[in-house]
Amino acid sequence: MDLSGLEVWIIIILVVGIIASNLAVLKYSAKFKMPQFGEPKKPNSDNNADNSHKTENATDDNSDTETNK
């Protein structure tokens, strides 16, 4: 299978064109936000309530150690 010079250049141009078009599509699609999969995240108000509950327990533990001293 002997390829002439013209056929080689056509193949090279096609490969470079495919790579360039893939890079252009990748750059264009990078602007879009993808949906998140898995469990939805809790709102911030729930997270703050959980954190305040943990801090109350931590202060209770500290007060117990101070009274035991």
PDB file of N, CA and C in Angstrom:
ATOM      1  N   MET A   1       0.848  -1.172   0.000  1.00  0.00           N
ATOM      2  CA  MET A   1       0.000   0.000   0.000  1.00  0.00           C
ATOM      3  C   MET A   1       0.893   1.234   0.000  1.00  0.00           C
ATOM      4  N   ASP A   2       0.947   1.849  -1.117  1.00  0.00           N
ATOM      5  CA  ASP A   2       1.808   3.020  -1.283  1.00  0.00           C
ATOM      6  C   ASP A   2       0.937   4.273  -1.363  1.00  0.00           C
ATOM      7  N   LEU A   3       1.132   5.184  -0.400  1.00  0.00           N
ATOM      8  CA  LEU A   3       0.363   6.418  -0.384  1.00  0.00           C
ATOM      9  C   LEU A   3       1.154   7.517  -1.077  1.00  0.00           C
ATOM     10  N   SER A   4       0.485   8.250  -1.930  1.00  0.00           N
ATOM     11  CA  SER A   4       1.154   9.369  -2.579  1.00  0.00           C
ATOM     12  C   SER A   4       1.232  10.543  -1.615  1.00  0.00           C
ATOM     13  N   GLY A   5       2.001  11.519  -1.947  1.00  0.00           N
ATOM     14  CA  GLY A   5       2.203  12.682  -1.087  1.00  0.00           C
ATOM     15  C   GLY A   5       0.913  13.439  -0.806  1.00  0.00           C
ATOM     16  N   LEU A   6       0.019  13.498  -1.790  1.00  0.00           N
ATOM     17  CA  LEU A   6      -1.244  14.212  -1.618  1.00  0.00           C
ATOM     18  C   LEU A   6      -2.128  13.512  -0.595  1.00  0.00           C
ATOM     19  N   GLU A   7      -2.189  12.194  -0.655  1.00  0.00           N
ATOM     20  CA  GLU A   7      -3.019  11.438   0.283  1.00  0.00           C
ATOM     21  C   GLU A   7      -2.518  11.583   1.721  1.00  0.00           C
ATOM     22  N   VAL A   8      -1.212  11.607   1.898  1.00  0.00           N
ATOM     23  CA  VAL A   8      -0.633  11.779   3.234  1.00  0.00           C
ATOM     24  C   VAL A   8      -1.008  13.138   3.800  1.00  0.00           C
ATOM     25  N   TRP A   9      -0.922  14.187   2.980  1.00  0.00           N
ATOM     26  CA  TRP A   9      -1.273  15.519   3.444  1.00  0.00           C
ATOM     27  C   TRP A   9      -2.750  15.638   3.767  1.00  0.00           C
ATOM     28  N   ILE A  10      -3.598  14.970   3.012  1.00  0.00           N
ATOM     29  CA  ILE A  10      -5.039  15.004   3.302  1.00  0.00           C
ATOM     30  C   ILE A  10      -5.322  14.339   4.645  1.00  0.00           C
ATOM     31  N   ILE A  11      -4.672  13.208   4.912  1.00  0.00           N
ATOM     32  CA  ILE A  11      -4.859  12.514   6.193  1.00  0.00           C
ATOM     33  C   ILE A  11      -4.361  13.377   7.341  1.00  0.00           C
ATOM     34  N   ILE A  12      -3.212  14.014   7.181  1.00  0.00           N
ATOM     35  CA  ILE A  12      -2.656  14.878   8.228  1.00  0.00           C
ATOM     36  C   ILE A  12      -3.603  16.048   8.499  1.00  0.00           C
ATOM     37  N   ILE A  13      -4.134  16.671   7.453  1.00  0.00           N
ATOM     38  CA  ILE A  13      -5.045  17.805   7.621  1.00  0.00           C
ATOM     39  C   ILE A  13      -6.333  17.360   8.314  1.00  0.00           C
ATOM     40  N   LEU A  14      -6.848  16.188   7.969  1.00  0.00           N
ATOM     41  CA  LEU A  14      -8.055  15.683   8.626  1.00  0.00           C
ATOM     42  C   LEU A  14      -7.823  15.437  10.114  1.00  0.00           C
ATOM     43  N   VAL A  15      -6.689  14.844  10.468  1.00  0.00           N
ATOM     44  CA  VAL A  15      -6.388  14.562  11.877  1.00  0.00           C
ATOM     45  C   VAL A  15      -6.233  15.866  12.657  1.00  0.00           C
ATOM     46  N   VAL A  16      -5.531  16.825  12.111  1.00  0.00           N
ATOM     47  CA  VAL A  16      -5.356  18.115  12.782  1.00  0.00           C
ATOM     48  C   VAL A  16      -6.705  18.827  12.909  1.00  0.00           C
ATOM     49  N   GLY A  17      -7.551  18.735  11.898  1.00  0.00           N
ATOM     50  CA  GLY A  17      -8.867  19.348  11.960  1.00  0.00           C
ATOM     51  C   GLY A  17      -9.746  18.720  13.036  1.00  0.00           C
ATOM     52  N   ILE A  18      -9.690  17.403  13.172  1.00  0.00           N
ATOM     53  CA  ILE A  18     -10.472  16.724  14.210  1.00  0.00           C
ATOM     54  C   ILE A  18      -9.993  17.129  15.596  1.00  0.00           C
ATOM     55  N   ILE A  19      -8.686  17.190  15.790  1.00  0.00           N
ATOM     56  CA  ILE A  19      -8.141  17.594  17.092  1.00  0.00           C
ATOM     57  C   ILE A  19      -8.537  19.036  17.409  1.00  0.00           C
ATOM     58  N   ALA A  20      -8.437  19.931  16.431  1.00  0.00           N
ATOM     59  CA  ALA A  20      -8.790  21.332  16.654  1.00  0.00           C
ATOM     60  C   ALA A  20     -10.279  21.484  16.977  1.00  0.00           C
ATOM     61  N   SER A  21     -11.118  20.726  16.291  1.00  0.00           N
ATOM     62  CA  SER A  21     -12.559  20.838  16.566  1.00  0.00           C
ATOM     63  C   SER A  21     -12.896  20.277  17.944  1.00  0.00           C
ATOM     64  N   ASN A  22     -12.226  19.215  18.355  1.00  0.00           N
ATOM     65  CA  ASN A  22     -12.458  18.681  19.702  1.00  0.00           C
ATOM     66  C   ASN A  22     -12.033  19.676  20.779  1.00  0.00           C
ATOM     67  N   LEU A  23     -10.935  20.357  20.574  1.00  0.00           N
ATOM     68  CA  LEU A  23     -10.490  21.371  21.535  1.00  0.00           C
ATOM     69  C   LEU A  23     -11.467  22.545  21.583  1.00  0.00           C
ATOM     70  N   ALA A  24     -12.013  22.942  20.432  1.00  0.00           N
ATOM     71  CA  ALA A  24     -12.980  24.039  20.400  1.00  0.00           C
ATOM     72  C   ALA A  24     -14.259  23.654  21.141  1.00  0.00           C
ATOM     73  N   VAL A  25     -14.724  22.435  20.958  1.00  0.00           N
ATOM     74  CA  VAL A  25     -15.930  21.978  21.656  1.00  0.00           C
ATOM     75  C   VAL A  25     -15.667  21.898  23.152  1.00  0.00           C
ATOM     76  N   LEU A  26     -14.497  21.430  23.545  1.00  0.00           N
ATOM     77  CA  LEU A  26     -14.149  21.343  24.963  1.00  0.00           C
ATOM     78  C   LEU A  26     -14.123  22.729  25.599  1.00  0.00           C
ATOM     79  N   LYS A  27     -13.555  23.703  24.914  1.00  0.00           N
ATOM     80  CA  LYS A  27     -13.508  25.075  25.429  1.00  0.00           C
ATOM     81  C   LYS A  27     -14.912  25.658  25.539  1.00  0.00           C
ATOM     82  N   TYR A  28     -15.762  25.391  24.564  1.00  0.00           N
ATOM     83  CA  TYR A  28     -17.134  25.912  24.579  1.00  0.00           C
ATOM     84  C   TYR A  28     -17.953  25.256  25.689  1.00  0.00           C
ATOM     85  N   SER A  29     -17.797  23.960  25.881  1.00  0.00           N
ATOM     86  CA  SER A  29     -18.608  23.249  26.875  1.00  0.00           C
ATOM     87  C   SER A  29     -18.123  23.480  28.299  1.00  0.00           C
ATOM     88  N   ALA A  30     -16.944  24.046  28.480  1.00  0.00           N
ATOM     89  CA  ALA A  30     -16.425  24.310  29.827  1.00  0.00           C
ATOM     90  C   ALA A  30     -17.220  25.412  30.522  1.00  0.00           C
ATOM     91  N   LYS A  31     -17.984  26.195  29.777  1.00  0.00           N
ATOM     92  CA  LYS A  31     -18.763  27.287  30.362  1.00  0.00           C
ATOM     93  C   LYS A  31     -20.015  26.788  31.069  1.00  0.00           C
ATOM     94  N   PHE A  32     -20.466  25.589  30.731  1.00  0.00           N
ATOM     95  CA  PHE A  32     -21.712  25.072  31.287  1.00  0.00           C
ATOM     96  C   PHE A  32     -21.464  24.394  32.619  1.00  0.00           C
ATOM     97  N   LYS A  33     -22.458  24.504  33.516  1.00  0.00           N
ATOM     98  CA  LYS A  33     -22.385  23.813  34.799  1.00  0.00           C
ATOM     99  C   LYS A  33     -23.081  22.473  34.659  1.00  0.00           C
ATOM    100  N   MET A  34     -22.426  21.438  35.125  1.00  0.00           N
ATOM    101  CA  MET A  34     -22.998  20.104  35.044  1.00  0.00           C
ATOM    102  C   MET A  34     -23.844  19.847  36.283  1.00  0.00           C
ATOM    103  N   PRO A  35     -24.916  19.061  36.164  1.00  0.00           N
ATOM    104  CA  PRO A  35     -25.722  18.730  37.345  1.00  0.00           C
ATOM    105  C   PRO A  35     -24.947  17.806  38.271  1.00  0.00           C
ATOM    106  N   GLN A  36     -25.203  17.944  39.561  1.00  0.00           N
ATOM    107  CA  GLN A  36     -24.528  17.122  40.549  1.00  0.00           C
ATOM    108  C   GLN A  36     -25.299  15.820  40.730  1.00  0.00           C
ATOM    109  N   PHE A  37     -24.595  14.720  40.749  1.00  0.00           N
ATOM    110  CA  PHE A  37     -25.221  13.430  40.942  1.00  0.00           C
ATOM    111  C   PHE A  37     -25.043  12.991  42.386  1.00  0.00           C
ATOM    112  N   GLY A  38     -25.908  12.112  42.853  1.00  0.00           N
ATOM    113  CA  GLY A  38     -25.811  11.627  44.225  1.00  0.00           C
ATOM    114  C   GLY A  38     -26.837  12.309  45.097  1.00  0.00           C
ATOM    115  N   GLU A  39     -26.624  12.242  46.402  1.00  0.00           N
ATOM    116  CA  GLU A  39     -27.556  12.841  47.348  1.00  0.00           C
ATOM    117  C   GLU A  39     -27.467  14.364  47.295  1.00  0.00           C
ATOM    118  N   PRO A  40     -28.598  15.055  47.312  1.00  0.00           N
ATOM    119  CA  PRO A  40     -28.547  16.526  47.323  1.00  0.00           C
ATOM    120  C   PRO A  40     -27.980  17.029  48.649  1.00  0.00           C
ATOM    121  N   LYS A  41     -27.271  18.118  48.578  1.00  0.00           N
ATOM    122  CA  LYS A  41     -26.671  18.687  49.785  1.00  0.00           C
ATOM    123  C   LYS A  41     -27.747  19.377  50.612  1.00  0.00           C
ATOM    124  N   LYS A  42     -27.544  19.374  51.925  1.00  0.00           N
ATOM    125  CA  LYS A  42     -28.488  20.019  52.825  1.00  0.00           C
ATOM    126  C   LYS A  42     -28.316  21.535  52.738  1.00  0.00           C
ATOM    127  N   PRO A  43     -29.380  22.281  52.961  1.00  0.00           N
ATOM    128  CA  PRO A  43     -29.248  23.750  52.988  1.00  0.00           C
ATOM    129  C   PRO A  43     -28.335  24.186  54.137  1.00  0.00           C
ATOM    130  N   ASN A  44     -27.835  25.394  54.043  1.00  0.00           N
ATOM    131  CA  ASN A  44     -26.919  25.908  55.063  1.00  0.00           C
ATOM    132  C   ASN A  44     -27.572  26.025  56.432  1.00  0.00           C
ATOM    133  N   SER A  45     -28.883  26.280  56.477  1.00  0.00           N
ATOM    134  CA  SER A  45     -29.543  26.428  57.769  1.00  0.00           C
ATOM    135  C   SER A  45     -29.496  25.114  58.541  1.00  0.00           C
ATOM    136  N   ASP A  46     -29.622  23.982  57.868  1.00  0.00           N
ATOM    137  CA  ASP A  46     -29.521  22.692  58.545  1.00  0.00           C
ATOM    138  C   ASP A  46     -28.102  22.457  59.052  1.00  0.00           C
ATOM    139  N   ASN A  47     -27.130  22.834  58.255  1.00  0.00           N
ATOM    140  CA  ASN A  47     -25.740  22.648  58.675  1.00  0.00           C
ATOM    141  C   ASN A  47     -25.422  23.508  59.892  1.00  0.00           C
ATOM    142  N   ASN A  48     -25.949  24.741  59.922  1.00  0.00           N
ATOM    143  CA  ASN A  48     -25.697  25.611  61.060  1.00  0.00           C
ATOM    144  C   ASN A  48     -26.359  25.064  62.314  1.00  0.00           C
ATOM    145  N   ALA A  49     -27.546  24.493  62.165  1.00  0.00           N
ATOM    146  CA  ALA A  49     -28.240  23.922  63.321  1.00  0.00           C
ATOM    147  C   ALA A  49     -27.444  22.738  63.868  1.00  0.00           C
ATOM    148  N   ASP A  50     -26.893  21.926  62.989  1.00  0.00           N
ATOM    149  CA  ASP A  50     -26.079  20.792  63.433  1.00  0.00           C
ATOM    150  C   ASP A  50     -24.830  21.275  64.150  1.00  0.00           C
ATOM    151  N   ASN A  51     -24.205  22.319  63.634  1.00  0.00           N
ATOM    152  CA  ASN A  51     -22.989  22.837  64.252  1.00  0.00           C
ATOM    153  C   ASN A  51     -23.278  23.455  65.614  1.00  0.00           C
ATOM    154  N   SER A  52     -24.400  24.159  65.753  1.00  0.00           N
ATOM    155  CA  SER A  52     -24.717  24.767  67.037  1.00  0.00           C
ATOM    156  C   SER A  52     -25.016  23.688  68.063  1.00  0.00           C
ATOM    157  N   HIS A  53     -25.625  22.590  67.641  1.00  0.00           N
ATOM    158  CA  HIS A  53     -25.905  21.483  68.554  1.00  0.00           C
ATOM    159  C   HIS A  53     -24.593  20.867  69.042  1.00  0.00           C
ATOM    160  N   LYS A  54     -23.623  20.761  68.133  1.00  0.00           N
ATOM    161  CA  LYS A  54     -22.325  20.197  68.521  1.00  0.00           C
ATOM    162  C   LYS A  54     -21.593  21.123  69.486  1.00  0.00           C
ATOM    163  N   THR A  55     -21.716  22.428  69.282  1.00  0.00           N
ATOM    164  CA  THR A  55     -21.027  23.357  70.181  1.00  0.00           C
ATOM    165  C   THR A  55     -21.683  23.363  71.552  1.00  0.00           C
ATOM    166  N   GLU A  56     -23.002  23.155  71.601  1.00  0.00           N
ATOM    167  CA  GLU A  56     -23.665  23.071  72.906  1.00  0.00           C
ATOM    168  C   GLU A  56     -23.167  21.856  73.672  1.00  0.00           C
ATOM    169  N   ASN A  57     -23.013  20.758  72.971  1.00  0.00           N
ATOM    170  CA  ASN A  57     -22.502  19.556  73.631  1.00  0.00           C
ATOM    171  C   ASN A  57     -21.066  19.757  74.088  1.00  0.00           C
ATOM    172  N   ALA A  58     -20.292  20.470  73.300  1.00  0.00           N
ATOM    173  CA  ALA A  58     -18.904  20.711  73.671  1.00  0.00           C
ATOM    174  C   ALA A  58     -18.839  21.606  74.912  1.00  0.00           C
ATOM    175  N   THR A  59     -19.700  22.604  75.009  1.00  0.00           N
ATOM    176  CA  THR A  59     -19.687  23.472  76.184  1.00  0.00           C
ATOM    177  C   THR A  59     -20.187  22.713  77.404  1.00  0.00           C
ATOM    178  N   ASP A  60     -21.136  21.807  77.217  1.00  0.00           N
ATOM    179  CA  ASP A  60     -21.599  20.991  78.327  1.00  0.00           C
ATOM    180  C   ASP A  60     -20.479  20.103  78.856  1.00  0.00           C
ATOM    181  N   ASP A  61     -19.689  19.541  77.951  1.00  0.00           N
ATOM    182  CA  ASP A  61     -18.580  18.687  78.365  1.00  0.00           C
ATOM    183  C   ASP A  61     -17.542  19.497  79.137  1.00  0.00           C
ATOM    184  N   ASN A  62     -17.282  20.705  78.676  1.00  0.00           N
ATOM    185  CA  ASN A  62     -16.300  21.542  79.347  1.00  0.00           C
ATOM    186  C   ASN A  62     -16.785  21.943  80.740  1.00  0.00           C
ATOM    187  N   SER A  63     -18.066  22.237  80.876  1.00  0.00           N
ATOM    188  CA  SER A  63     -18.587  22.642  82.176  1.00  0.00           C
ATOM    189  C   SER A  63     -18.552  21.454  83.160  1.00  0.00           C
ATOM    190  N   ASP A  64     -18.751  20.266  82.681  1.00  0.00           N
ATOM    191  CA  ASP A  64     -18.681  19.090  83.544  1.00  0.00           C
ATOM    192  C   ASP A  64     -17.260  18.880  84.079  1.00  0.00           C
ATOM    193  N   THR A  65     -16.270  19.107  83.221  1.00  0.00           N
ATOM    194  CA  THR A  65     -14.900  18.908  83.669  1.00  0.00           C
ATOM    195  C   THR A  65     -14.483  19.992  84.659  1.00  0.00           C
ATOM    196  N   GLU A  66     -15.022  21.194  84.480  1.00  0.00           N
ATOM    197  CA  GLU A  66     -14.664  22.265  85.419  1.00  0.00           C
ATOM    198  C   GLU A  66     -15.302  22.034  86.781  1.00  0.00           C
ATOM    199  N   THR A  67     -16.498  21.515  86.837  1.00  0.00           N
ATOM    200  CA  THR A  67     -17.150  21.277  88.110  1.00  0.00           C
ATOM    201  C   THR A  67     -16.533  20.085  88.839  1.00  0.00           C
ATOM    202  N   ASN A  68     -15.968  19.160  88.100  1.00  0.00           N
ATOM    203  CA  ASN A  68     -15.342  17.999  88.712  1.00  0.00           C
ATOM    204  C   ASN A  68     -13.988  18.349  89.327  1.00  0.00           C
ATOM    205  N   LYS A  69     -13.383  19.439  88.922  1.00  0.00           N
ATOM    206  CA  LYS A  69     -12.056  19.812  89.424  1.00  0.00           C
ATOM    207  C   LYS A  69     -12.128  20.348  90.780  1.00  0.00           C
TER     208      LYS A  69
END
